């Protein structure tokens, strides 16, 4: 410490030393006797202040470390020496806010990566040979679970168009405003086995499009509801299940694009997606013939009829999407196509 207090009572510089003192070589006297210098690289001058950092000085091209204005009349040599020493004194300090932002960003990134790793699982594999083919099945009887949801409605409509006899399971049947001679709407809840079990009687297959909007609660609607469904299927010897989950789950972790991988899934829907992981695990452990369909981000756009599907579809960079109508069509195709039997397949445009 040089112990040069400023006559005006203002600390000579800010380098972490006590107020009123500065390093002996921090400031050099200018021509007018002030501790000042000029930073040629700076278009604006700065003045040290007690709470750190520098503030712009009223006089351009000067840097005052002692709380006084430099007259700028010192010889060039003294200006150069003062410039170097004043730069040490009044260099810009890292802002605490910036350091905090970087720290928080690092924590958020680490958390997002941890969630992605938690959702990652080996691809589920089930029985690859069907216990009974539904291809060419006349008057196929189909149960649609989650029939009042976005994908569920499309499943009901398209299944009826294909000539299937459809039973739609819904907690609130009045929400399904579809009338058709081959449609039966039953009230039931997948979380209540006794209300679910009657809907399985006499069915050939089940398509499951379960979903909910309790995104921020620790519930097991998807996983426990699917377990009840599988239990009822086995009790009534219903062989085929096509179940909708999502890209970003299990072996497709990270394939929804950066926006979903690092923002939506870890910060908005972590509990929802983790329950989808448990749902897939329950399906894979069952004795039925199953296919898991993992769509990209769902939209209400018109069906294109052309989309990508398979274990490796998706994108690590861009958000991948697909319409609910296309997902419904692909799910219904899996009732009579054994290509993805016992596997999880992605689907997106």
Protein backbone atom coordinates (compact mmCIF):
# COMPACT_ATOMS: atom_id res chain seq x y z
CA UNK A 1 0.00 0.00 0.00
CA UNK A 2 1.33 3.46 -0.84
CA UNK A 3 -0.85 5.26 1.65
CA UNK A 4 -1.62 8.21 -0.62
CA UNK A 5 -5.02 9.43 0.53
CA UNK A 6 -6.85 11.65 -1.86
CA UNK A 7 -7.10 15.22 -0.60
CA UNK A 8 -10.79 15.27 -1.44
CA UNK A 9 -11.48 12.23 0.73
CA UNK A 10 -12.24 9.99 -2.27
CA UNK A 11 -10.37 6.67 -2.49
CA UNK A 12 -7.51 6.95 -4.94
CA UNK A 13 -8.40 3.70 -6.73
CA UNK A 14 -10.35 0.48 -6.50
CA UNK A 15 -8.26 -2.69 -6.34
CA UNK A 16 -9.58 -4.21 -3.16
CA UNK A 17 -7.44 -2.07 -0.85
CA UNK A 18 -8.94 0.01 2.00
CA UNK A 19 -10.51 3.28 1.11
CA UNK A 20 -8.06 6.14 0.86
CA UNK A 21 -5.09 3.99 -0.18
CA UNK A 22 -3.74 2.52 -3.40
CA UNK A 23 -0.69 0.56 -4.61
CA UNK A 24 2.44 2.68 -4.78
CA UNK A 25 2.77 2.24 -8.52
CA UNK A 26 -0.93 2.52 -9.32
CA UNK A 27 -1.10 6.20 -10.19
CA UNK A 28 1.53 8.55 -11.55
CA UNK A 29 1.41 12.33 -11.16
CA UNK A 30 0.43 14.23 -14.27
CA UNK A 31 1.67 17.61 -15.29
CA UNK A 32 -0.78 19.32 -13.00
CA UNK A 33 0.15 17.22 -9.99
CA UNK A 34 -2.90 14.98 -10.14
CA UNK A 35 -2.70 11.22 -10.30
CA UNK A 36 -3.99 10.90 -13.80
CA UNK A 37 -3.24 9.43 -17.15
CA UNK A 38 -4.75 8.92 -20.52
CA UNK A 39 -5.97 5.64 -21.98
CA UNK A 40 -5.57 6.10 -25.71
CA UNK A 41 -7.58 2.98 -26.39
CA UNK A 42 -10.56 4.35 -24.53
CA UNK A 43 -12.89 6.73 -26.32
CA UNK A 44 -14.40 7.66 -22.95
CA UNK A 45 -12.63 8.29 -19.67
CA UNK A 46 -13.44 6.48 -16.47
CA UNK A 47 -13.01 7.26 -12.77
CA UNK A 48 -12.59 4.73 -9.99
CA UNK A 49 -15.23 4.67 -7.32
CA UNK A 50 -15.30 3.04 -3.87
CA UNK A 51 -17.78 0.26 -4.72
CA UNK A 52 -15.69 -1.10 -7.58
CA UNK A 53 -15.36 -0.67 -11.30
CA UNK A 54 -15.01 2.66 -13.12
CA UNK A 55 -17.38 5.37 -14.18
CA UNK A 56 -17.14 7.65 -17.22
CA UNK A 57 -15.33 10.93 -16.53
CA UNK A 58 -16.61 14.22 -17.74
CA UNK A 59 -13.48 14.88 -19.83
CA UNK A 60 -12.91 12.67 -22.86
CA UNK A 61 -9.65 10.76 -23.28
CA UNK A 62 -8.62 11.14 -19.60
CA UNK A 63 -8.64 8.75 -16.68
CA UNK A 64 -8.65 10.18 -13.19
CA UNK A 65 -7.86 7.77 -10.37
CA UNK A 66 -7.81 10.42 -7.66
CA UNK A 67 -11.18 12.00 -8.14
CA UNK A 68 -9.77 15.00 -10.08
CA UNK A 69 -9.84 15.91 -13.73
CA UNK A 70 -6.69 15.56 -15.79
CA UNK A 71 -5.80 18.62 -17.75
CA UNK A 72 -4.26 16.48 -20.47
CA UNK A 73 -1.16 18.78 -20.70
CA UNK A 74 1.45 16.30 -19.43
CA UNK A 75 4.29 15.33 -21.76
CA UNK A 76 3.70 12.33 -23.99
CA UNK A 77 6.11 10.13 -22.03
CA UNK A 78 4.35 10.81 -18.78
CA UNK A 79 1.00 10.19 -20.44
CA UNK A 80 2.18 6.79 -21.66
CA UNK A 81 3.49 5.75 -18.26
CA UNK A 82 0.38 7.05 -16.57
CA UNK A 83 -1.77 5.20 -19.07
CA UNK A 84 -0.20 1.87 -18.20
CA UNK A 85 -0.36 2.40 -14.46
CA UNK A 86 -3.84 3.88 -14.51
CA UNK A 87 -5.03 0.89 -16.50
CA UNK A 88 -4.00 -1.29 -13.58
CA UNK A 89 -5.80 0.97 -11.17
CA UNK A 90 -9.00 1.55 -13.07
CA UNK A 91 -9.35 -1.59 -15.11
CA UNK A 92 -12.94 -2.74 -15.49
CA UNK A 93 -13.80 -5.33 -12.88
CA UNK A 94 -16.03 -8.32 -13.75
CA UNK A 95 -19.59 -7.49 -12.82
CA UNK A 96 -21.05 -9.68 -10.09
CA UNK A 97 -24.26 -9.82 -12.07
CA UNK A 98 -22.49 -11.29 -15.07
CA UNK A 99 -20.71 -13.84 -12.91
CA UNK A 100 -24.01 -14.79 -11.33
CA UNK A 101 -25.69 -15.13 -14.72
CA UNK A 102 -22.93 -17.43 -15.96
CA UNK A 103 -23.16 -19.52 -12.80
CA UNK A 104 -26.93 -19.86 -13.07
CA UNK A 105 -26.66 -20.72 -16.75
CA UNK A 106 -24.15 -23.44 -15.92
CA UNK A 107 -26.39 -24.86 -13.22
CA UNK A 108 -29.41 -24.81 -15.56
CA UNK A 109 -27.45 -26.55 -18.30
CA UNK A 110 -26.16 -29.20 -15.91
CA UNK A 111 -29.70 -29.79 -14.63
CA UNK A 112 -31.09 -30.13 -18.17
CA UNK A 113 -28.39 -32.66 -19.06
CA UNK A 114 -29.08 -34.58 -15.85
CA UNK A 115 -32.80 -34.77 -16.68
CA UNK A 116 -32.03 -36.00 -20.20
CA UNK A 117 -29.80 -38.71 -18.77
CA UNK A 118 -32.48 -39.66 -16.25
CA UNK A 119 -35.03 -40.09 -19.04
CA UNK A 120 -32.64 -42.11 -21.18
CA UNK A 121 -33.18 -45.86 -21.14
CA UNK A 122 -32.29 -48.74 -23.36
CA UNK A 123 -34.82 -49.29 -26.11
CA UNK A 124 -37.61 -51.56 -24.82
CA UNK A 125 -37.86 -54.89 -26.59
CA UNK A 126 -40.78 -57.27 -26.31
CA UNK A 127 -42.00 -60.38 -28.05
CA UNK A 128 -41.32 -60.08 -31.79
CA UNK A 129 -43.82 -62.72 -32.89
CA UNK A 130 -47.53 -61.98 -32.64
CA UNK A 131 -49.70 -64.34 -30.64
CA UNK A 132 -52.45 -63.72 -33.18
CA UNK A 133 -52.57 -61.56 -36.28
CA UNK A 134 -55.30 -58.97 -36.70
CA UNK A 135 -54.61 -58.54 -40.40
CA UNK A 136 -57.80 -59.08 -42.34
CA UNK A 137 -59.83 -59.30 -39.14
CA UNK A 138 -63.45 -58.69 -40.07
CA UNK A 139 -65.34 -56.36 -37.74
CA UNK A 140 -62.30 -55.60 -35.61
CA UNK A 141 -63.37 -54.43 -32.16
CA UNK A 142 -61.14 -51.70 -30.79
CA UNK A 143 -60.96 -49.91 -27.45
CA UNK A 144 -59.64 -46.34 -27.55
CA UNK A 145 -58.26 -45.13 -24.20
CA UNK A 146 -57.92 -41.37 -23.86
CA UNK A 147 -60.63 -40.87 -26.46
CA UNK A 148 -61.40 -37.24 -25.56
CA UNK A 149 -57.81 -36.06 -25.99
CA UNK A 150 -56.35 -34.54 -29.13
CA UNK A 151 -54.92 -37.77 -30.54
CA UNK A 152 -57.74 -39.88 -29.06
CA UNK A 153 -60.43 -38.07 -31.05
CA UNK A 154 -58.49 -38.65 -34.26
CA UNK A 155 -58.13 -42.32 -33.38
CA UNK A 156 -61.88 -42.67 -32.90
CA UNK A 157 -62.72 -40.87 -36.16
CA UNK A 158 -60.20 -42.76 -38.28
CA UNK A 159 -60.97 -46.15 -36.74
CA UNK A 160 -64.64 -45.67 -37.61
CA UNK A 161 -63.64 -44.68 -41.14
CA UNK A 162 -61.73 -47.97 -41.41
CA UNK A 163 -64.85 -49.87 -40.49
CA UNK A 164 -63.85 -50.86 -36.96
CA UNK A 165 -66.29 -51.26 -34.10
CA UNK A 166 -65.01 -48.71 -31.62
CA UNK A 167 -65.45 -48.43 -27.87
CA UNK A 168 -64.31 -45.07 -26.52
CA UNK A 169 -63.37 -44.91 -22.85
CA UNK A 170 -63.72 -41.48 -21.25
CA UNK A 171 -64.11 -40.07 -17.77
CA UNK A 172 -66.54 -37.53 -19.20
CA UNK A 173 -68.34 -39.06 -22.23
CA UNK A 174 -70.13 -35.79 -23.02
CA UNK A 175 -66.82 -34.36 -24.27
CA UNK A 176 -66.79 -36.79 -27.18
CA UNK A 177 -69.23 -35.27 -29.65
CA UNK A 178 -69.10 -38.03 -32.24
CA UNK A 179 -72.11 -40.11 -33.23
CA UNK A 180 -71.78 -43.30 -35.26
CA UNK A 181 -73.57 -46.68 -35.37
CA UNK A 182 -70.30 -48.50 -34.66
CA UNK A 183 -69.30 -46.27 -31.76
CA UNK A 184 -69.92 -47.07 -28.10
CA UNK A 185 -68.89 -44.53 -25.49
CA UNK A 186 -68.26 -45.86 -21.99
CA UNK A 187 -67.55 -43.92 -18.85
CA UNK A 188 -64.48 -45.09 -17.00
CA UNK A 189 -61.21 -44.09 -15.40
CA UNK A 190 -57.92 -45.90 -15.95
CA UNK A 191 -57.02 -45.21 -12.32
CA UNK A 192 -60.08 -47.21 -11.25
CA UNK A 193 -59.73 -50.83 -12.35
CA UNK A 194 -63.36 -51.70 -11.62
CA UNK A 195 -64.60 -49.00 -14.03
CA UNK A 196 -61.99 -49.89 -16.64
CA UNK A 197 -62.34 -53.67 -16.71
CA UNK A 198 -65.82 -53.90 -18.33
CA UNK A 199 -64.64 -51.91 -21.36
CA UNK A 200 -62.13 -54.66 -22.27
CA UNK A 201 -64.69 -57.41 -22.67
CA UNK A 202 -64.85 -58.71 -26.21
CA UNK A 203 -62.18 -56.39 -27.63
CA UNK A 204 -59.55 -57.46 -30.17
CA UNK A 205 -57.10 -54.63 -29.53
CA UNK A 206 -56.46 -51.42 -27.60
CA UNK A 207 -54.95 -48.12 -28.68
CA UNK A 208 -53.86 -45.96 -25.76
CA UNK A 209 -53.50 -42.19 -26.06
CA UNK A 210 -53.50 -41.35 -22.37
CA UNK A 211 -52.60 -37.83 -21.38
CA UNK A 212 -53.34 -35.19 -18.78
CA UNK A 213 -52.55 -31.59 -17.89
CA UNK A 214 -51.43 -32.07 -14.30
CA UNK A 215 -47.90 -31.36 -15.47
CA UNK A 216 -46.55 -30.02 -12.19
CA UNK A 217 -47.86 -32.68 -9.83
CA UNK A 218 -46.15 -35.91 -8.86
CA UNK A 219 -48.83 -38.26 -10.12
CA UNK A 220 -48.66 -41.60 -11.90
CA UNK A 221 -51.69 -41.34 -14.13
CA UNK A 222 -49.81 -42.54 -17.20
CA UNK A 223 -47.87 -45.37 -15.60
CA UNK A 224 -50.46 -46.62 -13.10
CA UNK A 225 -53.31 -46.16 -15.55
CA UNK A 226 -51.43 -48.19 -18.15
CA UNK A 227 -50.71 -50.93 -15.60
CA UNK A 228 -54.43 -51.19 -14.84
CA UNK A 229 -55.12 -51.32 -18.57
CA UNK A 230 -52.59 -54.11 -19.11
CA UNK A 231 -54.01 -56.04 -16.18
CA UNK A 232 -57.52 -55.84 -17.68
CA UNK A 233 -56.19 -56.80 -21.13
CA UNK A 234 -54.53 -59.93 -19.76
CA UNK A 235 -57.67 -60.79 -17.79
CA UNK A 236 -59.77 -60.68 -20.97
CA UNK A 237 -57.13 -62.08 -23.35
CA UNK A 238 -56.91 -58.92 -25.43
CA UNK A 239 -53.71 -59.45 -27.37
CA UNK A 240 -52.66 -56.20 -29.08
CA UNK A 241 -51.78 -52.80 -27.56
CA UNK A 242 -50.54 -49.73 -29.41
CA UNK A 243 -49.45 -47.09 -26.90
CA UNK A 244 -48.54 -43.45 -27.54
CA UNK A 245 -45.72 -41.85 -25.52
CA UNK A 246 -43.30 -39.25 -26.94
CA UNK A 247 -39.96 -38.64 -28.54
CA UNK A 248 -37.49 -37.61 -25.86
CA UNK A 249 -38.33 -40.65 -23.75
CA UNK A 250 -36.06 -43.62 -23.22
CA UNK A 251 -33.73 -44.42 -26.09
CA UNK A 252 -35.04 -41.36 -27.99
CA UNK A 253 -33.83 -38.94 -25.29
CA UNK A 254 -32.52 -35.75 -26.90
CA UNK A 255 -34.27 -36.32 -30.24
CA UNK A 256 -36.91 -33.63 -29.77
CA UNK A 257 -34.44 -30.83 -30.57
CA UNK A 258 -32.57 -28.36 -28.35
CA UNK A 259 -35.68 -26.39 -27.35
CA UNK A 260 -37.41 -29.42 -25.86
CA UNK A 261 -34.26 -31.13 -24.60
CA UNK A 262 -32.91 -28.15 -22.66
CA UNK A 263 -36.03 -26.13 -21.81
CA UNK A 264 -39.45 -27.76 -22.14
CA UNK A 265 -38.69 -31.24 -20.83
CA UNK A 266 -36.34 -30.42 -17.92
CA UNK A 267 -38.00 -27.20 -16.71
CA UNK A 268 -41.70 -27.49 -17.65
CA UNK A 269 -42.54 -31.18 -18.08
CA UNK A 270 -39.95 -33.21 -16.14
CA UNK A 271 -42.52 -35.04 -14.01
CA UNK A 272 -44.78 -35.69 -16.98
CA UNK A 273 -41.98 -37.17 -19.07
CA UNK A 274 -40.61 -39.22 -16.21
CA UNK A 275 -44.03 -40.83 -15.84
CA UNK A 276 -43.91 -41.63 -19.57
CA UNK A 277 -40.66 -43.49 -18.89
CA UNK A 278 -42.45 -45.56 -16.25
CA UNK A 279 -45.36 -46.07 -18.65
CA UNK A 280 -43.07 -47.51 -21.32
CA UNK A 281 -41.42 -49.72 -18.72
CA UNK A 282 -44.82 -51.14 -17.72
CA UNK A 283 -45.74 -51.86 -21.34
CA UNK A 284 -42.42 -53.55 -22.07
CA UNK A 285 -42.80 -55.82 -19.05
CA UNK A 286 -46.29 -57.00 -20.05
CA UNK A 287 -47.33 -60.23 -21.79
CA UNK A 288 -49.37 -58.60 -24.55
CA UNK A 289 -48.30 -57.88 -28.13
CA UNK A 290 -47.35 -54.23 -28.00
CA UNK A 291 -46.03 -51.36 -30.09
CA UNK A 292 -44.92 -48.07 -28.53
CA UNK A 293 -45.29 -45.01 -30.77
CA UNK A 294 -43.21 -41.95 -29.89
CA UNK A 295 -44.42 -38.90 -31.83
CA UNK A 296 -42.66 -35.56 -32.06
CA UNK A 297 -44.28 -32.33 -30.88
CA UNK A 298 -47.98 -32.67 -31.69
CA UNK A 299 -49.89 -30.17 -33.82
CA UNK A 300 -53.47 -29.83 -35.05
CA UNK A 301 -52.35 -29.33 -38.64
CA UNK A 302 -53.91 -31.25 -41.50
CA UNK A 303 -52.48 -34.74 -42.05
CA UNK A 304 -49.71 -35.00 -44.63
CA UNK A 305 -49.86 -38.74 -44.99
CA UNK A 306 -46.07 -38.82 -45.32
CA UNK A 307 -43.84 -38.92 -42.25
CA UNK A 308 -40.68 -40.53 -40.94
CA UNK A 309 -40.83 -43.43 -38.52
CA UNK A 310 -38.37 -45.80 -36.92
CA UNK A 311 -36.06 -46.04 -33.92
CA UNK A 312 -33.66 -43.32 -35.06
CA UNK A 313 -35.99 -40.54 -36.20
CA UNK A 314 -35.94 -37.09 -34.63
CA UNK A 315 -33.37 -34.33 -34.39
CA UNK A 316 -30.85 -33.29 -31.76
CA UNK A 317 -30.95 -29.71 -33.06
CA UNK A 318 -34.38 -28.77 -34.44
CA UNK A 319 -37.81 -29.36 -32.90
CA UNK A 320 -39.52 -32.17 -34.80
CA UNK A 321 -43.30 -32.12 -35.19
CA UNK A 322 -46.16 -34.19 -36.51
CA UNK A 323 -49.92 -33.74 -36.66
CA UNK A 324 -52.21 -35.69 -34.36
CA UNK A 325 -54.06 -36.97 -37.42
CA UNK A 326 -50.86 -38.50 -38.82
CA UNK A 327 -50.03 -40.05 -35.43
CA UNK A 328 -53.50 -41.62 -35.24
CA UNK A 329 -53.12 -43.06 -38.73
CA UNK A 330 -49.72 -44.53 -37.89
CA UNK A 331 -50.98 -46.01 -34.62
CA UNK A 332 -53.92 -47.70 -36.33
CA UNK A 333 -51.56 -49.12 -38.95
CA UNK A 334 -49.70 -50.92 -36.16
CA UNK A 335 -52.78 -53.01 -35.36
CA UNK A 336 -52.26 -55.07 -38.50
CA UNK A 337 -48.56 -54.48 -39.19
CA UNK A 338 -46.01 -56.49 -37.19
CA UNK A 339 -42.95 -54.51 -38.31
CA UNK A 340 -42.57 -52.71 -34.97
CA UNK A 341 -44.06 -55.41 -32.77
CA UNK A 342 -42.30 -55.42 -29.41
CA UNK A 343 -40.45 -52.18 -30.25
CA UNK A 344 -40.65 -48.45 -29.65
CA UNK A 345 -40.71 -46.38 -32.82
CA UNK A 346 -40.54 -42.65 -33.33
CA UNK A 347 -42.79 -40.76 -35.73
CA UNK A 348 -42.33 -37.23 -37.06
CA UNK A 349 -42.36 -35.19 -40.25
